[in-house]
Amino acid sequence: MGETRFNPLQKILAFAAIVEVGTGLVLMIDPALVVALLLGVSVAADEIPIGRVAGIAMLSLGLACWPNRQGAQSGLAALRAMLAYNMLVALYLAYLGTVGSLGGLLLWPAVALHAVVALLLIWTSRHDRLAKN
């Protein structure tokens, strides 16, 4: 098994990185649109900068986990960062949709996407560790 092979874990990390970079860019450009589509609420003008800061953070996370030319990320650090992000965002968005009674067109698809990515990261990282032993 070659080190430069684009394995399933690297594919999931690359997919998650692309999604976060894209979402981060849209948040930086128009945070009000993202909030409306995700939570179904409008954003006050003084909250726009916070949305842009969140966009910058998401863009940075995606870039930190971006694969290199051989298809490899920075390894364990990328896995930990993307796993923590996806697990916590799925839980928080689900909380907002249930207890917080918020919800826009994209809320539950976003919950599902983040939960599936987190589960795939866990599953493939376990499978990857077992294959190396």
N, C-alpha and C. Protein backbone atom coordinates (compact mmCIF):
# COMPACT_ATOMS: atom_id res chain seq x y z
N MET A 1 0.84 -1.18 0.00
CA MET A 1 0.00 0.00 0.00
C MET A 1 0.89 1.24 0.00
N GLY A 2 0.80 2.06 -1.04
CA GLY A 2 1.66 3.24 -1.15
C GLY A 2 1.20 4.38 -0.26
N GLU A 3 2.15 5.17 0.18
CA GLU A 3 1.84 6.31 1.06
C GLU A 3 1.10 7.41 0.31
N THR A 4 1.29 7.50 -1.02
CA THR A 4 0.67 8.58 -1.78
C THR A 4 -0.70 8.19 -2.32
N ARG A 5 -1.15 6.94 -2.07
CA ARG A 5 -2.44 6.50 -2.54
C ARG A 5 -3.54 7.33 -1.88
N PHE A 6 -4.52 7.70 -2.65
CA PHE A 6 -5.63 8.53 -2.17
C PHE A 6 -6.66 7.61 -1.53
N ASN A 7 -6.49 7.31 -0.23
CA ASN A 7 -7.35 6.35 0.45
C ASN A 7 -8.70 6.97 0.83
N PRO A 8 -9.65 6.14 1.30
CA PRO A 8 -10.97 6.67 1.64
C PRO A 8 -10.95 7.80 2.67
N LEU A 9 -10.11 7.70 3.69
CA LEU A 9 -10.03 8.76 4.69
C LEU A 9 -9.59 10.07 4.04
N GLN A 10 -8.62 10.01 3.18
CA GLN A 10 -8.14 11.23 2.50
C GLN A 10 -9.24 11.79 1.59
N LYS A 11 -10.02 10.93 0.97
CA LYS A 11 -11.12 11.40 0.12
C LYS A 11 -12.17 12.14 0.94
N ILE A 12 -12.50 11.60 2.11
CA ILE A 12 -13.51 12.25 2.96
C ILE A 12 -12.97 13.57 3.50
N LEU A 13 -11.71 13.59 3.90
CA LEU A 13 -11.10 14.85 4.36
C LEU A 13 -11.08 15.88 3.23
N ALA A 14 -10.77 15.44 2.01
CA ALA A 14 -10.75 16.36 0.87
C ALA A 14 -12.15 16.90 0.60
N PHE A 15 -13.17 16.03 0.64
CA PHE A 15 -14.55 16.46 0.43
C PHE A 15 -14.95 17.49 1.49
N ALA A 16 -14.65 17.16 2.76
CA ALA A 16 -15.00 18.08 3.85
C ALA A 16 -14.27 19.41 3.70
N ALA A 17 -13.01 19.37 3.28
CA ALA A 17 -12.24 20.61 3.08
C ALA A 17 -12.88 21.47 2.00
N ILE A 18 -13.31 20.84 0.91
CA ILE A 18 -13.95 21.59 -0.18
C ILE A 18 -15.25 22.24 0.29
N VAL A 19 -16.06 21.48 1.04
CA VAL A 19 -17.33 22.02 1.55
C VAL A 19 -17.07 23.20 2.48
N GLU A 20 -16.09 23.07 3.38
CA GLU A 20 -15.82 24.15 4.33
C GLU A 20 -15.24 25.39 3.65
N VAL A 21 -14.37 25.20 2.68
CA VAL A 21 -13.84 26.35 1.94
C VAL A 21 -14.98 27.07 1.21
N GLY A 22 -15.84 26.30 0.55
CA GLY A 22 -16.97 26.91 -0.16
C GLY A 22 -17.92 27.64 0.76
N THR A 23 -18.28 27.00 1.86
CA THR A 23 -19.19 27.64 2.83
C THR A 23 -18.53 28.87 3.45
N GLY A 24 -17.25 28.75 3.76
CA GLY A 24 -16.53 29.90 4.32
C GLY A 24 -16.53 31.09 3.38
N LEU A 25 -16.30 30.83 2.10
CA LEU A 25 -16.31 31.92 1.11
C LEU A 25 -17.68 32.57 1.01
N VAL A 26 -18.75 31.75 0.98
CA VAL A 26 -20.10 32.32 0.90
C VAL A 26 -20.42 33.11 2.16
N LEU A 27 -20.02 32.60 3.33
CA LEU A 27 -20.24 33.35 4.57
C LEU A 27 -19.50 34.68 4.57
N MET A 28 -18.29 34.68 4.03
CA MET A 28 -17.53 35.93 3.97
C MET A 28 -18.20 36.94 3.04
N ILE A 29 -18.80 36.46 1.96
CA ILE A 29 -19.42 37.34 0.98
C ILE A 29 -20.80 37.80 1.42
N ASP A 30 -21.64 36.84 1.86
CA ASP A 30 -23.03 37.19 2.22
C ASP A 30 -23.51 36.34 3.40
N PRO A 31 -23.07 36.69 4.62
CA PRO A 31 -23.49 35.89 5.79
C PRO A 31 -25.00 35.87 6.00
N ALA A 32 -25.69 36.93 5.63
CA ALA A 32 -27.14 36.98 5.82
C ALA A 32 -27.84 35.91 4.99
N LEU A 33 -27.37 35.66 3.78
CA LEU A 33 -27.94 34.63 2.92
C LEU A 33 -27.76 33.25 3.55
N VAL A 34 -26.56 32.97 4.04
CA VAL A 34 -26.29 31.66 4.65
C VAL A 34 -27.17 31.46 5.87
N VAL A 35 -27.29 32.46 6.73
CA VAL A 35 -28.11 32.35 7.93
C VAL A 35 -29.58 32.16 7.56
N ALA A 36 -30.05 32.88 6.56
CA ALA A 36 -31.45 32.73 6.14
C ALA A 36 -31.72 31.32 5.60
N LEU A 37 -30.81 30.79 4.79
CA LEU A 37 -30.99 29.45 4.24
C LEU A 37 -30.83 28.37 5.30
N LEU A 38 -29.96 28.60 6.26
CA LEU A 38 -29.67 27.59 7.27
C LEU A 38 -30.67 27.63 8.43
N LEU A 39 -30.93 28.81 8.94
CA LEU A 39 -31.74 28.94 10.15
C LEU A 39 -33.12 29.56 9.93
N GLY A 40 -33.34 30.13 8.75
CA GLY A 40 -34.64 30.72 8.45
C GLY A 40 -34.91 32.01 9.19
N VAL A 41 -33.86 32.71 9.58
CA VAL A 41 -34.02 33.99 10.27
C VAL A 41 -33.19 35.05 9.54
N SER A 42 -33.54 36.29 9.79
CA SER A 42 -32.75 37.38 9.21
C SER A 42 -31.66 37.79 10.20
N VAL A 43 -30.64 38.40 9.68
CA VAL A 43 -29.49 38.81 10.48
C VAL A 43 -29.47 40.33 10.56
N ALA A 44 -29.30 40.84 11.77
CA ALA A 44 -29.17 42.29 11.95
C ALA A 44 -27.84 42.75 11.37
N ALA A 45 -27.80 43.98 10.95
CA ALA A 45 -26.59 44.52 10.32
C ALA A 45 -25.37 44.42 11.22
N ASP A 46 -25.56 44.56 12.53
CA ASP A 46 -24.41 44.50 13.42
C ASP A 46 -23.91 43.07 13.66
N GLU A 47 -24.67 42.07 13.18
CA GLU A 47 -24.23 40.67 13.30
C GLU A 47 -23.47 40.18 12.07
N ILE A 48 -23.50 40.92 11.00
CA ILE A 48 -22.82 40.54 9.75
C ILE A 48 -21.32 40.31 9.96
N PRO A 49 -20.61 41.16 10.70
CA PRO A 49 -19.18 40.91 10.89
C PRO A 49 -18.88 39.58 11.58
N ILE A 50 -19.72 39.16 12.52
CA ILE A 50 -19.51 37.87 13.19
C ILE A 50 -19.66 36.73 12.19
N GLY A 51 -20.63 36.84 11.31
CA GLY A 51 -20.80 35.84 10.25
C GLY A 51 -19.59 35.77 9.34
N ARG A 52 -19.02 36.90 9.05
CA ARG A 52 -17.82 36.92 8.20
C ARG A 52 -16.62 36.32 8.94
N VAL A 53 -16.51 36.56 10.23
CA VAL A 53 -15.43 35.94 11.02
C VAL A 53 -15.61 34.42 11.02
N ALA A 54 -16.84 33.95 11.17
CA ALA A 54 -17.10 32.52 11.09
C ALA A 54 -16.71 31.98 9.71
N GLY A 55 -16.99 32.75 8.67
CA GLY A 55 -16.60 32.35 7.32
C GLY A 55 -15.09 32.23 7.17
N ILE A 56 -14.38 33.17 7.75
CA ILE A 56 -12.91 33.13 7.70
C ILE A 56 -12.41 31.88 8.43
N ALA A 57 -13.02 31.57 9.58
CA ALA A 57 -12.62 30.37 10.34
C ALA A 57 -12.89 29.10 9.54
N MET A 58 -14.05 29.02 8.89
CA MET A 58 -14.37 27.84 8.08
C MET A 58 -13.43 27.72 6.88
N LEU A 59 -13.14 28.84 6.26
CA LEU A 59 -12.20 28.84 5.14
C LEU A 59 -10.83 28.35 5.61
N SER A 60 -10.39 28.83 6.76
CA SER A 60 -9.10 28.42 7.30
C SER A 60 -9.07 26.93 7.63
N LEU A 61 -10.14 26.42 8.23
CA LEU A 61 -10.22 24.99 8.53
C LEU A 61 -10.13 24.17 7.25
N GLY A 62 -10.89 24.57 6.26
CA GLY A 62 -10.85 23.86 4.98
C GLY A 62 -9.48 23.88 4.35
N LEU A 63 -8.82 25.02 4.39
CA LEU A 63 -7.47 25.11 3.82
C LEU A 63 -6.46 24.29 4.61
N ALA A 64 -6.62 24.23 5.93
CA ALA A 64 -5.70 23.44 6.76
C ALA A 64 -5.81 21.95 6.43
N CYS A 65 -6.98 21.52 6.00
CA CYS A 65 -7.21 20.11 5.69
C CYS A 65 -7.16 19.82 4.19
N TRP A 66 -6.81 20.80 3.39
CA TRP A 66 -6.76 20.64 1.94
C TRP A 66 -5.66 19.64 1.56
N PRO A 67 -5.97 18.70 0.66
CA PRO A 67 -4.95 17.72 0.27
C PRO A 67 -3.84 18.34 -0.57
N ASN A 68 -2.63 17.75 -0.45
CA ASN A 68 -1.53 18.22 -1.29
C ASN A 68 -1.60 17.51 -2.64
N ARG A 69 -0.60 17.71 -3.48
CA ARG A 69 -0.64 17.14 -4.83
C ARG A 69 -0.69 15.62 -4.84
N GLN A 70 -0.16 14.99 -3.81
CA GLN A 70 -0.20 13.54 -3.73
C GLN A 70 -1.49 13.04 -3.08
N GLY A 71 -2.38 13.95 -2.72
CA GLY A 71 -3.65 13.57 -2.14
C GLY A 71 -3.61 13.37 -0.64
N ALA A 72 -2.52 13.75 0.01
CA ALA A 72 -2.40 13.55 1.45
C ALA A 72 -2.59 14.86 2.19
N GLN A 73 -3.25 14.78 3.35
CA GLN A 73 -3.38 15.94 4.21
C GLN A 73 -2.28 15.86 5.26
N SER A 74 -2.37 16.76 6.22
CA SER A 74 -1.36 16.78 7.27
C SER A 74 -1.59 15.69 8.31
N GLY A 75 -2.38 14.68 7.98
CA GLY A 75 -2.53 13.51 8.83
C GLY A 75 -3.47 13.67 9.98
N LEU A 76 -2.99 13.30 11.15
CA LEU A 76 -3.82 13.25 12.34
C LEU A 76 -4.40 14.61 12.71
N ALA A 77 -3.65 15.67 12.51
CA ALA A 77 -4.15 17.01 12.84
C ALA A 77 -5.37 17.35 11.99
N ALA A 78 -5.32 17.05 10.70
CA ALA A 78 -6.46 17.31 9.82
C ALA A 78 -7.66 16.47 10.23
N LEU A 79 -7.42 15.22 10.56
CA LEU A 79 -8.51 14.34 11.00
C LEU A 79 -9.16 14.88 12.26
N ARG A 80 -8.36 15.22 13.27
CA ARG A 80 -8.91 15.74 14.53
C ARG A 80 -9.71 17.02 14.30
N ALA A 81 -9.16 17.93 13.53
CA ALA A 81 -9.83 19.21 13.29
C ALA A 81 -11.15 19.02 12.57
N MET A 82 -11.15 18.25 11.50
CA MET A 82 -12.36 18.08 10.71
C MET A 82 -13.40 17.24 11.46
N LEU A 83 -12.95 16.25 12.23
CA LEU A 83 -13.87 15.43 13.01
C LEU A 83 -14.54 16.26 14.10
N ALA A 84 -13.76 17.01 14.85
CA ALA A 84 -14.32 17.86 15.91
C ALA A 84 -15.30 18.86 15.32
N TYR A 85 -14.92 19.49 14.23
CA TYR A 85 -15.79 20.49 13.61
C TYR A 85 -17.11 19.86 13.18
N ASN A 86 -17.06 18.76 12.44
CA ASN A 86 -18.28 18.16 11.91
C ASN A 86 -19.18 17.61 13.01
N MET A 87 -18.60 16.99 14.03
CA MET A 87 -19.42 16.48 15.14
C MET A 87 -20.11 17.62 15.87
N LEU A 88 -19.35 18.65 16.23
CA LEU A 88 -19.91 19.75 17.01
C LEU A 88 -20.93 20.56 16.21
N VAL A 89 -20.67 20.78 14.93
CA VAL A 89 -21.62 21.53 14.11
C VAL A 89 -22.90 20.74 13.92
N ALA A 90 -22.81 19.43 13.69
CA ALA A 90 -24.02 18.61 13.55
C ALA A 90 -24.85 18.68 14.82
N LEU A 91 -24.21 18.53 15.98
CA LEU A 91 -24.94 18.58 17.25
C LEU A 91 -25.56 19.95 17.50
N TYR A 92 -24.79 21.00 17.23
CA TYR A 92 -25.30 22.35 17.50
C TYR A 92 -26.45 22.72 16.56
N LEU A 93 -26.31 22.39 15.28
CA LEU A 93 -27.39 22.69 14.34
C LEU A 93 -28.64 21.89 14.68
N ALA A 94 -28.48 20.63 15.08
CA ALA A 94 -29.63 19.83 15.49
C ALA A 94 -30.29 20.44 16.73
N TYR A 95 -29.48 20.92 17.66
CA TYR A 95 -30.00 21.60 18.84
C TYR A 95 -30.80 22.84 18.44
N LEU A 96 -30.25 23.64 17.53
CA LEU A 96 -30.95 24.84 17.09
C LEU A 96 -32.28 24.49 16.41
N GLY A 97 -32.30 23.39 15.67
CA GLY A 97 -33.51 22.99 14.97
C GLY A 97 -34.57 22.39 15.87
N THR A 98 -34.17 21.84 17.01
CA THR A 98 -35.14 21.22 17.91
C THR A 98 -35.44 22.13 19.10
N VAL A 99 -34.50 22.32 19.97
CA VAL A 99 -34.71 23.12 21.18
C VAL A 99 -34.84 24.60 20.83
N GLY A 100 -34.01 25.08 19.90
CA GLY A 100 -34.03 26.49 19.53
C GLY A 100 -35.13 26.86 18.56
N SER A 101 -35.85 25.88 18.04
CA SER A 101 -36.96 26.11 17.10
C SER A 101 -36.57 26.98 15.90
N LEU A 102 -35.33 26.84 15.44
CA LEU A 102 -34.91 27.55 14.25
C LEU A 102 -34.82 26.55 13.11
N GLY A 103 -34.94 27.05 11.89
CA GLY A 103 -34.78 26.13 10.78
C GLY A 103 -35.09 26.79 9.46
N GLY A 104 -34.13 26.72 8.59
CA GLY A 104 -34.32 27.19 7.23
C GLY A 104 -34.28 26.01 6.28
N LEU A 105 -34.33 26.29 5.04
CA LEU A 105 -34.34 25.28 3.99
C LEU A 105 -33.18 24.30 4.09
N LEU A 106 -32.02 24.77 4.50
CA LEU A 106 -30.82 23.93 4.50
C LEU A 106 -30.41 23.38 5.87
N LEU A 107 -31.22 23.63 6.92
CA LEU A 107 -30.79 23.20 8.25
C LEU A 107 -30.63 21.69 8.35
N TRP A 108 -31.66 20.93 8.07
CA TRP A 108 -31.56 19.48 8.26
C TRP A 108 -30.64 18.81 7.24
N PRO A 109 -30.59 19.28 6.00
CA PRO A 109 -29.55 18.73 5.12
C PRO A 109 -28.14 19.00 5.65
N ALA A 110 -27.93 20.17 6.27
CA ALA A 110 -26.61 20.48 6.84
C ALA A 110 -26.31 19.59 8.03
N VAL A 111 -27.31 19.33 8.88
CA VAL A 111 -27.12 18.42 10.01
C VAL A 111 -26.73 17.05 9.49
N ALA A 112 -27.46 16.57 8.51
CA ALA A 112 -27.18 15.24 7.95
C ALA A 112 -25.80 15.18 7.31
N LEU A 113 -25.45 16.19 6.55
CA LEU A 113 -24.14 16.22 5.90
C LEU A 113 -23.01 16.17 6.92
N HIS A 114 -23.08 17.02 7.95
CA HIS A 114 -22.02 17.04 8.95
C HIS A 114 -21.97 15.74 9.76
N ALA A 115 -23.13 15.19 10.08
CA ALA A 115 -23.15 13.92 10.83
C ALA A 115 -22.56 12.79 10.00
N VAL A 116 -22.92 12.73 8.73
CA VAL A 116 -22.39 11.67 7.85
C VAL A 116 -20.89 11.83 7.68
N VAL A 117 -20.41 13.04 7.47
CA VAL A 117 -18.97 13.26 7.33
C VAL A 117 -18.25 12.84 8.62
N ALA A 118 -18.79 13.20 9.78
CA ALA A 118 -18.17 12.80 11.05
C ALA A 118 -18.12 11.28 11.18
N LEU A 119 -19.22 10.63 10.88
CA LEU A 119 -19.25 9.17 10.97
C LEU A 119 -18.29 8.52 9.97
N LEU A 120 -18.22 9.05 8.77
CA LEU A 120 -17.28 8.51 7.78
C LEU A 120 -15.84 8.72 8.21
N LEU A 121 -15.55 9.86 8.81
CA LEU A 121 -14.19 10.09 9.30
C LEU A 121 -13.83 9.09 10.40
N ILE A 122 -14.76 8.85 11.31
CA ILE A 122 -14.51 7.87 12.38
C ILE A 122 -14.32 6.48 11.79
N TRP A 123 -15.23 6.09 10.92
CA TRP A 123 -15.18 4.74 10.34
C TRP A 123 -13.91 4.52 9.53
N THR A 124 -13.59 5.46 8.65
CA THR A 124 -12.41 5.26 7.80
C THR A 124 -11.11 5.38 8.58
N SER A 125 -11.08 6.22 9.62
CA SER A 125 -9.85 6.32 10.40
C SER A 125 -9.62 5.02 11.17
N ARG A 126 -10.68 4.41 11.68
CA ARG A 126 -10.55 3.11 12.35
C ARG A 126 -10.10 2.05 11.36
N HIS A 127 -10.72 2.05 10.19
CA HIS A 127 -10.37 1.08 9.15
C HIS A 127 -8.92 1.29 8.70
N ASP A 128 -8.53 2.54 8.57
CA ASP A 128 -7.15 2.88 8.16
C ASP A 128 -6.13 2.40 9.20
N ARG A 129 -6.44 2.60 10.50
CA ARG A 129 -5.54 2.14 11.56
C ARG A 129 -5.44 0.62 11.57
N LEU A 130 -6.55 -0.06 11.38
CA LEU A 130 -6.53 -1.53 11.37
C LEU A 130 -5.73 -2.06 10.19
N ALA A 131 -5.84 -1.39 9.05
CA ALA A 131 -5.10 -1.83 7.85
C ALA A 131 -3.61 -1.65 8.02
N LYS A 132 -3.19 -0.66 8.80
CA LYS A 132 -1.75 -0.41 9.00
C LYS A 132 -1.14 -1.38 10.01
N ASN A 133 -1.98 -2.00 10.86
CA ASN A 133 -1.47 -2.95 11.87
C ASN A 133 -1.34 -4.34 11.31
